[in-house]
Structures are given as structure tokens and as C-alpha cells.
PDB file of N, CA and C in Angstrom:
ATOM      1  N   UNK A   1     -47.567 115.744 -69.592  1.00  0.00           N
ATOM      2  CA  UNK A   1     -48.650 114.893 -69.159  1.00  0.00           C
ATOM      3  C   UNK A   1     -48.622 113.605 -69.981  1.00  0.00           C
ATOM      4  N   UNK A   2     -48.905 112.496 -69.344  1.00  0.00           N
ATOM      5  CA  UNK A   2     -48.966 111.203 -70.034  1.00  0.00           C
ATOM      6  C   UNK A   2     -50.097 111.216 -71.066  1.00  0.00           C
ATOM      7  N   UNK A   3     -49.890 110.535 -72.175  1.00  0.00           N
ATOM      8  CA  UNK A   3     -50.901 110.538 -73.239  1.00  0.00           C
ATOM      9  C   UNK A   3     -52.202 109.882 -72.775  1.00  0.00           C
ATOM     10  N   UNK A   4     -52.133 108.812 -71.973  1.00  0.00           N
ATOM     11  CA  UNK A   4     -53.375 108.178 -71.518  1.00  0.00           C
ATOM     12  C   UNK A   4     -54.172 109.116 -70.613  1.00  0.00           C
ATOM     13  N   UNK A   5     -53.484 109.868 -69.766  1.00  0.00           N
ATOM     14  CA  UNK A   5     -54.176 110.832 -68.907  1.00  0.00           C
ATOM     15  C   UNK A   5     -54.732 111.998 -69.730  1.00  0.00           C
ATOM     16  N   UNK A   6     -53.981 112.467 -70.721  1.00  0.00           N
ATOM     17  CA  UNK A   6     -54.471 113.548 -71.574  1.00  0.00           C
ATOM     18  C   UNK A   6     -55.765 113.140 -72.271  1.00  0.00           C
ATOM     19  N   UNK A   7     -55.819 111.925 -72.802  1.00  0.00           N
ATOM     20  CA  UNK A   7     -57.015 111.463 -73.499  1.00  0.00           C
ATOM     21  C   UNK A   7     -58.215 111.421 -72.566  1.00  0.00           C
ATOM     22  N   UNK A   8     -57.987 111.055 -71.312  1.00  0.00           N
ATOM     23  CA  UNK A   8     -59.067 111.016 -70.334  1.00  0.00           C
ATOM     24  C   UNK A   8     -59.480 112.425 -69.916  1.00  0.00           C
ATOM     25  N   UNK A   9     -58.515 113.283 -69.566  1.00  0.00           N
ATOM     26  CA  UNK A   9     -58.811 114.645 -69.114  1.00  0.00           C
ATOM     27  C   UNK A   9     -59.507 115.451 -70.211  1.00  0.00           C
ATOM     28  N   UNK A  10     -59.093 115.249 -71.460  1.00  0.00           N
ATOM     29  CA  UNK A  10     -59.694 115.976 -72.578  1.00  0.00           C
ATOM     30  C   UNK A  10     -61.026 115.372 -73.007  1.00  0.00           C
ATOM     31  N   UNK A  11     -61.354 114.237 -72.435  1.00  0.00           N
ATOM     32  CA  UNK A  11     -62.594 113.511 -72.712  1.00  0.00           C
ATOM     33  C   UNK A  11     -62.683 113.003 -74.153  1.00  0.00           C
ATOM     34  N   UNK A  12     -61.520 112.796 -74.771  1.00  0.00           N
ATOM     35  CA  UNK A  12     -61.505 112.143 -76.083  1.00  0.00           C
ATOM     36  C   UNK A  12     -61.783 110.656 -75.908  1.00  0.00           C
ATOM     37  N   UNK A  13     -61.341 110.102 -74.783  1.00  0.00           N
ATOM     38  CA  UNK A  13     -61.651 108.728 -74.393  1.00  0.00           C
ATOM     39  C   UNK A  13     -62.177 108.808 -72.967  1.00  0.00           C
ATOM     40  N   UNK A  14     -63.247 108.057 -72.694  1.00  0.00           N
ATOM     41  CA  UNK A  14     -63.975 108.218 -71.447  1.00  0.00           C
ATOM     42  C   UNK A  14     -63.204 107.838 -70.184  1.00  0.00           C
ATOM     43  N   UNK A  15     -62.470 106.741 -70.230  1.00  0.00           N
ATOM     44  CA  UNK A  15     -61.759 106.273 -69.037  1.00  0.00           C
ATOM     45  C   UNK A  15     -60.278 106.109 -69.332  1.00  0.00           C
ATOM     46  N   UNK A  16     -59.462 106.345 -68.307  1.00  0.00           N
ATOM     47  CA  UNK A  16     -58.017 106.231 -68.470  1.00  0.00           C
ATOM     48  C   UNK A  16     -57.613 104.792 -68.768  1.00  0.00           C
ATOM     49  N   UNK A  17     -58.303 103.827 -68.183  1.00  0.00           N
ATOM     50  CA  UNK A  17     -57.969 102.427 -68.452  1.00  0.00           C
ATOM     51  C   UNK A  17     -58.223 102.075 -69.914  1.00  0.00           C
ATOM     52  N   UNK A  18     -59.254 102.654 -70.510  1.00  0.00           N
ATOM     53  CA  UNK A  18     -59.545 102.422 -71.926  1.00  0.00           C
ATOM     54  C   UNK A  18     -58.459 103.080 -72.779  1.00  0.00           C
ATOM     55  N   UNK A  19     -58.031 104.288 -72.389  1.00  0.00           N
ATOM     56  CA  UNK A  19     -56.962 104.982 -73.110  1.00  0.00           C
ATOM     57  C   UNK A  19     -55.655 104.197 -73.000  1.00  0.00           C
ATOM     58  N   UNK A  20     -55.389 103.638 -71.821  1.00  0.00           N
ATOM     59  CA  UNK A  20     -54.188 102.822 -71.604  1.00  0.00           C
ATOM     60  C   UNK A  20     -54.205 101.607 -72.521  1.00  0.00           C
ATOM     61  N   UNK A  21     -55.344 100.921 -72.574  1.00  0.00           N
ATOM     62  CA  UNK A  21     -55.475  99.740 -73.437  1.00  0.00           C
ATOM     63  C   UNK A  21     -55.334 100.111 -74.911  1.00  0.00           C
ATOM     64  N   UNK A  22     -55.882 101.244 -75.323  1.00  0.00           N
ATOM     65  CA  UNK A  22     -55.772 101.686 -76.713  1.00  0.00           C
ATOM     66  C   UNK A  22     -54.306 101.920 -77.078  1.00  0.00           C
ATOM     67  N   UNK A  23     -53.541 102.468 -76.153  1.00  0.00           N
ATOM     68  CA  UNK A  23     -52.108 102.672 -76.399  1.00  0.00           C
ATOM     69  C   UNK A  23     -51.395 101.329 -76.536  1.00  0.00           C
ATOM     70  N   UNK A  24     -51.711 100.409 -75.657  1.00  0.00           N
ATOM     71  CA  UNK A  24     -51.084  99.082 -75.688  1.00  0.00           C
ATOM     72  C   UNK A  24     -51.416  98.337 -76.986  1.00  0.00           C
ATOM     73  N   UNK A  25     -52.576  98.609 -77.556  1.00  0.00           N
ATOM     74  CA  UNK A  25     -53.011  97.960 -78.797  1.00  0.00           C
ATOM     75  C   UNK A  25     -52.567  98.742 -80.038  1.00  0.00           C
ATOM     76  N   UNK A  26     -51.702  99.731 -79.853  1.00  0.00           N
ATOM     77  CA  UNK A  26     -51.137 100.538 -80.955  1.00  0.00           C
ATOM     78  C   UNK A  26     -52.216 101.284 -81.744  1.00  0.00           C
ATOM     79  N   UNK A  27     -53.259 101.763 -81.049  1.00  0.00           N
ATOM     80  CA  UNK A  27     -54.297 102.557 -81.705  1.00  0.00           C
ATOM     81  C   UNK A  27     -54.118 104.045 -81.465  1.00  0.00           C
ATOM     82  N   UNK A  28     -53.103 104.412 -80.672  1.00  0.00           N
ATOM     83  CA  UNK A  28     -52.808 105.809 -80.384  1.00  0.00           C
ATOM     84  C   UNK A  28     -51.396 106.114 -80.884  1.00  0.00           C
ATOM     85  N   UNK A  29     -51.249 107.211 -81.600  1.00  0.00           N
ATOM     86  CA  UNK A  29     -49.910 107.631 -82.013  1.00  0.00           C
ATOM     87  C   UNK A  29     -49.732 109.116 -81.702  1.00  0.00           C
ATOM     88  N   UNK A  30     -48.493 109.479 -81.409  1.00  0.00           N
ATOM     89  CA  UNK A  30     -48.137 110.871 -81.131  1.00  0.00           C
ATOM     90  C   UNK A  30     -47.074 111.271 -82.135  1.00  0.00           C
ATOM     91  N   UNK A  31     -47.359 112.299 -82.912  1.00  0.00           N
ATOM     92  CA  UNK A  31     -46.454 112.783 -83.954  1.00  0.00           C
ATOM     93  C   UNK A  31     -46.047 111.668 -84.924  1.00  0.00           C
ATOM     94  N   UNK A  32     -47.000 110.794 -85.257  1.00  0.00           N
ATOM     95  CA  UNK A  32     -46.760 109.760 -86.253  1.00  0.00           C
ATOM     96  C   UNK A  32     -46.113 108.485 -85.738  1.00  0.00           C
ATOM     97  N   UNK A  33     -45.821 108.405 -84.436  1.00  0.00           N
ATOM     98  CA  UNK A  33     -45.202 107.203 -83.872  1.00  0.00           C
ATOM     99  C   UNK A  33     -46.131 106.598 -82.836  1.00  0.00           C
ATOM    100  N   UNK A  34     -46.249 105.257 -82.834  1.00  0.00           N
ATOM    101  CA  UNK A  34     -47.084 104.586 -81.840  1.00  0.00           C
ATOM    102  C   UNK A  34     -46.656 105.010 -80.442  1.00  0.00           C
ATOM    103  N   UNK A  35     -47.647 105.245 -79.580  1.00  0.00           N
ATOM    104  CA  UNK A  35     -47.373 105.773 -78.248  1.00  0.00           C
ATOM    105  C   UNK A  35     -47.681 104.746 -77.167  1.00  0.00           C
ATOM    106  N   UNK A  36     -46.764 104.595 -76.236  1.00  0.00           N
ATOM    107  CA  UNK A  36     -47.008 103.816 -75.026  1.00  0.00           C
ATOM    108  C   UNK A  36     -47.829 104.710 -74.089  1.00  0.00           C
ATOM    109  N   UNK A  37     -48.536 104.118 -73.117  1.00  0.00           N
ATOM    110  CA  UNK A  37     -49.382 104.920 -72.219  1.00  0.00           C
ATOM    111  C   UNK A  37     -48.630 106.021 -71.477  1.00  0.00           C
ATOM    112  N   UNK A  38     -47.350 105.832 -71.185  1.00  0.00           N
ATOM    113  CA  UNK A  38     -46.583 106.808 -70.432  1.00  0.00           C
ATOM    114  C   UNK A  38     -45.915 107.882 -71.270  1.00  0.00           C
ATOM    115  N   UNK A  39     -46.137 107.882 -72.570  1.00  0.00           N
ATOM    116  CA  UNK A  39     -45.533 108.879 -73.468  1.00  0.00           C
ATOM    117  C   UNK A  39     -46.022 110.271 -73.075  1.00  0.00           C
ATOM    118  N   UNK A  40     -45.100 111.187 -72.878  1.00  0.00           N
ATOM    119  CA  UNK A  40     -45.471 112.566 -72.538  1.00  0.00           C
ATOM    120  C   UNK A  40     -45.932 113.315 -73.782  1.00  0.00           C
ATOM    121  N   UNK A  41     -47.003 114.097 -73.610  1.00  0.00           N
ATOM    122  CA  UNK A  41     -47.454 114.982 -74.678  1.00  0.00           C
ATOM    123  C   UNK A  41     -47.309 116.419 -74.197  1.00  0.00           C
ATOM    124  N   UNK A  42     -46.976 117.298 -75.115  1.00  0.00           N
ATOM    125  CA  UNK A  42     -46.814 118.719 -74.825  1.00  0.00           C
ATOM    126  C   UNK A  42     -47.609 119.504 -75.860  1.00  0.00           C
ATOM    127  N   UNK A  43     -47.937 120.751 -75.569  1.00  0.00           N
ATOM    128  CA  UNK A  43     -48.656 121.555 -76.562  1.00  0.00           C
ATOM    129  C   UNK A  43     -47.917 121.563 -77.908  1.00  0.00           C
ATOM    130  N   UNK A  44     -48.695 121.369 -78.963  1.00  0.00           N
ATOM    131  CA  UNK A  44     -48.128 121.314 -80.310  1.00  0.00           C
ATOM    132  C   UNK A  44     -48.055 119.902 -80.860  1.00  0.00           C
ATOM    133  N   UNK A  45     -48.095 118.886 -79.999  1.00  0.00           N
ATOM    134  CA  UNK A  45     -48.060 117.495 -80.467  1.00  0.00           C
ATOM    135  C   UNK A  45     -49.344 117.144 -81.208  1.00  0.00           C
ATOM    136  N   UNK A  46     -49.226 116.244 -82.171  1.00  0.00           N
ATOM    137  CA  UNK A  46     -50.370 115.728 -82.917  1.00  0.00           C
ATOM    138  C   UNK A  46     -50.663 114.317 -82.404  1.00  0.00           C
ATOM    139  N   UNK A  47     -51.875 114.112 -81.902  1.00  0.00           N
ATOM    140  CA  UNK A  47     -52.286 112.814 -81.375  1.00  0.00           C
ATOM    141  C   UNK A  47     -53.314 112.222 -82.326  1.00  0.00           C
ATOM    142  N   UNK A  48     -53.081 110.983 -82.764  1.00  0.00           N
ATOM    143  CA  UNK A  48     -54.019 110.273 -83.636  1.00  0.00           C
ATOM    144  C   UNK A  48     -54.635 109.121 -82.854  1.00  0.00           C
ATOM    145  N   UNK A  49     -55.956 108.993 -82.972  1.00  0.00           N
ATOM    146  CA  UNK A  49     -56.688 107.920 -82.310  1.00  0.00           C
ATOM    147  C   UNK A  49     -57.399 107.125 -83.390  1.00  0.00           C
ATOM    148  N   UNK A  50     -57.070 105.844 -83.496  1.00  0.00           N
ATOM    149  CA  UNK A  50     -57.706 104.982 -84.486  1.00  0.00           C
ATOM    150  C   UNK A  50     -58.859 104.224 -83.831  1.00  0.00           C
ATOM    151  N   UNK A  51     -60.064 104.512 -84.308  1.00  0.00           N
ATOM    152  CA  UNK A  51     -61.245 103.788 -83.880  1.00  0.00           C
ATOM    153  C   UNK A  51     -61.505 102.677 -84.887  1.00  0.00           C
ATOM    154  N   UNK A  52     -62.551 101.917 -84.712  1.00  0.00           N
ATOM    155  CA  UNK A  52     -62.835 100.780 -85.584  1.00  0.00           C
ATOM    156  C   UNK A  52     -62.929 101.191 -87.060  1.00  0.00           C
ATOM    157  N   UNK A  53     -63.687 102.241 -87.347  1.00  0.00           N
ATOM    158  CA  UNK A  53     -63.920 102.623 -88.739  1.00  0.00           C
ATOM    159  C   UNK A  53     -63.412 104.017 -89.093  1.00  0.00           C
ATOM    160  N   UNK A  54     -62.732 104.673 -88.183  1.00  0.00           N
ATOM    161  CA  UNK A  54     -62.302 106.039 -88.455  1.00  0.00           C
ATOM    162  C   UNK A  54     -61.042 106.382 -87.673  1.00  0.00           C
ATOM    163  N   UNK A  55     -60.520 107.557 -87.962  1.00  0.00           N
ATOM    164  CA  UNK A  55     -59.343 108.055 -87.245  1.00  0.00           C
ATOM    165  C   UNK A  55     -59.577 109.519 -86.906  1.00  0.00           C
ATOM    166  N   UNK A  56     -59.193 109.901 -85.696  1.00  0.00           N
ATOM    167  CA  UNK A  56     -59.315 111.277 -85.239  1.00  0.00           C
ATOM    168  C   UNK A  56     -57.916 111.801 -84.963  1.00  0.00           C
ATOM    169  N   UNK A  57     -57.597 112.967 -85.545  1.00  0.00           N
ATOM    170  CA  UNK A  57     -56.297 113.609 -85.308  1.00  0.00           C
ATOM    171  C   UNK A  57     -56.543 114.944 -84.650  1.00  0.00           C
ATOM    172  N   UNK A  58     -55.846 115.179 -83.539  1.00  0.00           N
ATOM    173  CA  UNK A  58     -55.994 116.444 -82.814  1.00  0.00           C
ATOM    174  C   UNK A  58     -54.619 117.026 -82.503  1.00  0.00           C
ATOM    175  N   UNK A  59     -54.566 118.340 -82.387  1.00  0.00           N
ATOM    176  CA  UNK A  59     -53.346 119.041 -81.961  1.00  0.00           C
ATOM    177  C   UNK A  59     -53.541 119.423 -80.499  1.00  0.00           C
ATOM    178  N   UNK A  60     -52.593 119.071 -79.658  1.00  0.00           N
ATOM    179  CA  UNK A  60     -52.646 119.395 -78.233  1.00  0.00           C
ATOM    180  C   UNK A  60     -52.393 120.893 -78.065  1.00  0.00           C
ATOM    181  N   UNK A  61     -53.297 121.575 -77.346  1.00  0.00           N
ATOM    182  CA  UNK A  61     -53.149 123.004 -77.095  1.00  0.00           C
ATOM    183  C   UNK A  61     -52.695 123.293 -75.667  1.00  0.00           C
ATOM    184  N   UNK A  62     -53.188 122.496 -74.707  1.00  0.00           N
ATOM    185  CA  UNK A  62     -52.858 122.678 -73.296  1.00  0.00           C
ATOM    186  C   UNK A  62     -52.783 121.318 -72.621  1.00  0.00           C
ATOM    187  N   UNK A  63     -52.075 121.243 -71.493  1.00  0.00           N
ATOM    188  CA  UNK A  63     -51.995 119.985 -70.749  1.00  0.00           C
ATOM    189  C   UNK A  63     -52.150 120.218 -69.244  1.00  0.00           C
ATOM    190  N   UNK A  64     -53.283 120.784 -68.797  1.00  0.00           N
ATOM    191  CA  UNK A  64     -53.481 120.961 -67.353  1.00  0.00           C
ATOM    192  C   UNK A  64     -53.821 119.626 -66.682  1.00  0.00           C
ATOM    193  N   UNK A  65     -53.529 119.532 -65.388  1.00  0.00           N
ATOM    194  CA  UNK A  65     -53.797 118.294 -64.654  1.00  0.00           C
ATOM    195  C   UNK A  65     -55.296 118.044 -64.471  1.00  0.00           C
ATOM    196  N   UNK A  66     -56.055 119.112 -64.258  1.00  0.00           N
ATOM    197  CA  UNK A  66     -57.493 118.989 -64.041  1.00  0.00           C
ATOM    198  C   UNK A  66     -58.203 120.033 -64.889  1.00  0.00           C
ATOM    199  N   UNK A  67     -59.378 119.668 -65.362  1.00  0.00           N
ATOM    200  CA  UNK A  67     -60.157 120.597 -66.176  1.00  0.00           C
ATOM    201  C   UNK A  67     -61.629 120.274 -65.997  1.00  0.00           C
ATOM    202  N   UNK A  68     -62.483 121.288 -66.120  1.00  0.00           N
ATOM    203  CA  UNK A  68     -63.918 121.063 -66.012  1.00  0.00           C
ATOM    204  C   UNK A  68     -64.437 120.432 -67.304  1.00  0.00           C
ATOM    205  N   UNK A  69     -65.627 119.911 -67.227  1.00  0.00           N
ATOM    206  CA  UNK A  69     -66.246 119.293 -68.401  1.00  0.00           C
ATOM    207  C   UNK A  69     -66.355 120.292 -69.550  1.00  0.00           C
ATOM    208  N   UNK A  70     -66.715 121.526 -69.241  1.00  0.00           N
ATOM    209  CA  UNK A  70     -66.861 122.557 -70.274  1.00  0.00           C
ATOM    210  C   UNK A  70     -65.524 122.968 -70.874  1.00  0.00           C
ATOM    211  N   UNK A  71     -64.452 122.878 -70.102  1.00  0.00           N
ATOM    212  CA  UNK A  71     -63.138 123.289 -70.573  1.00  0.00           C
ATOM    213  C   UNK A  71     -62.380 122.215 -71.322  1.00  0.00           C
ATOM    214  N   UNK A  72     -62.895 120.998 -71.359  1.00  0.00           N
ATOM    215  CA  UNK A  72     -62.180 119.881 -71.986  1.00  0.00           C
ATOM    216  C   UNK A  72     -61.921 120.108 -73.469  1.00  0.00           C
ATOM    217  N   UNK A  73     -62.854 120.701 -74.171  1.00  0.00           N
ATOM    218  CA  UNK A  73     -62.702 120.915 -75.612  1.00  0.00           C
ATOM    219  C   UNK A  73     -61.645 121.967 -75.937  1.00  0.00           C
ATOM    220  N   UNK A  74     -61.242 122.754 -74.950  1.00  0.00           N
ATOM    221  CA  UNK A  74     -60.223 123.773 -75.171  1.00  0.00           C
ATOM    222  C   UNK A  74     -58.804 123.223 -75.089  1.00  0.00           C
ATOM    223  N   UNK A  75     -58.665 121.953 -74.756  1.00  0.00           N
ATOM    224  CA  UNK A  75     -57.344 121.335 -74.621  1.00  0.00           C
ATOM    225  C   UNK A  75     -56.767 120.888 -75.954  1.00  0.00           C
ATOM    226  N   UNK A  76     -57.607 120.804 -76.983  1.00  0.00           N
ATOM    227  CA  UNK A  76     -57.153 120.305 -78.269  1.00  0.00           C
ATOM    228  C   UNK A  76     -57.903 120.982 -79.405  1.00  0.00           C
ATOM    229  N   UNK A  77     -57.329 120.819 -80.593  1.00  0.00           N
ATOM    230  CA  UNK A  77     -57.929 121.342 -81.826  1.00  0.00           C
ATOM    231  C   UNK A  77     -58.024 120.170 -82.796  1.00  0.00           C
ATOM    232  N   UNK A  78     -59.208 119.904 -83.316  1.00  0.00           N
ATOM    233  CA  UNK A  78     -59.399 118.798 -84.249  1.00  0.00           C
ATOM    234  C   UNK A  78     -58.783 119.180 -85.590  1.00  0.00           C
ATOM    235  N   UNK A  79     -57.900 118.310 -86.083  1.00  0.00           N
ATOM    236  CA  UNK A  79     -57.262 118.525 -87.377  1.00  0.00           C
ATOM    237  C   UNK A  79     -58.002 117.736 -88.445  1.00  0.00           C
ATOM    238  N   UNK A  80     -58.318 116.495 -88.119  1.00  0.00           N
ATOM    239  CA  UNK A  80     -58.972 115.601 -89.075  1.00  0.00           C
ATOM    240  C   UNK A  80     -59.806 114.609 -88.297  1.00  0.00           C
ATOM    241  N   UNK A  81     -60.995 114.341 -88.781  1.00  0.00           N
ATOM    242  CA  UNK A  81     -61.786 113.337 -88.086  1.00  0.00           C
ATOM    243  C   UNK A  81     -63.197 113.613 -88.221  1.00  0.00           C
TER     244      UNK A  81
END
């Protein structure tokens, strides 16, 4: 699954266009490397999101195409943030 879509489906970022822009601005990294919006993520990858004053690091657990609002938190595990 593309990293921008994963961020939207997991509800870590509200809209896919915002996730796409964050990738373009080098605020998203996968396994320590800056990620383009089309970068594929798989279970086990570490995704870092840099916000204005903080950073959130999560481990990808699942990558389904669609998920309910209640199931979104089951797609990742917070490592730091």
C-alpha cells in the first residue's frame, strides 16, 4: 500500500492530499529514509511523521485497502510520540 494512502486509511493524517503534501515536504519517512507519496509500506515498516513541534513513530501492523473507523488503530503500533 502507498504510504500516503496508509496514513489516510489509518487516520494518522485526515486526508490523503495532506499526507501526499507531507511526503513531498519530506515530513514523512519510512525506515529512516524520506518517503515519496508512492512509497510502498508493508507490515513491519517504521513510519515517522514530523509535525511542527513533535514526531510520531509507528510500526505498520497491517495494510488493508479499507478499514472501519474503529479498526484504524489496529493498523499500527505507536513506538514513540
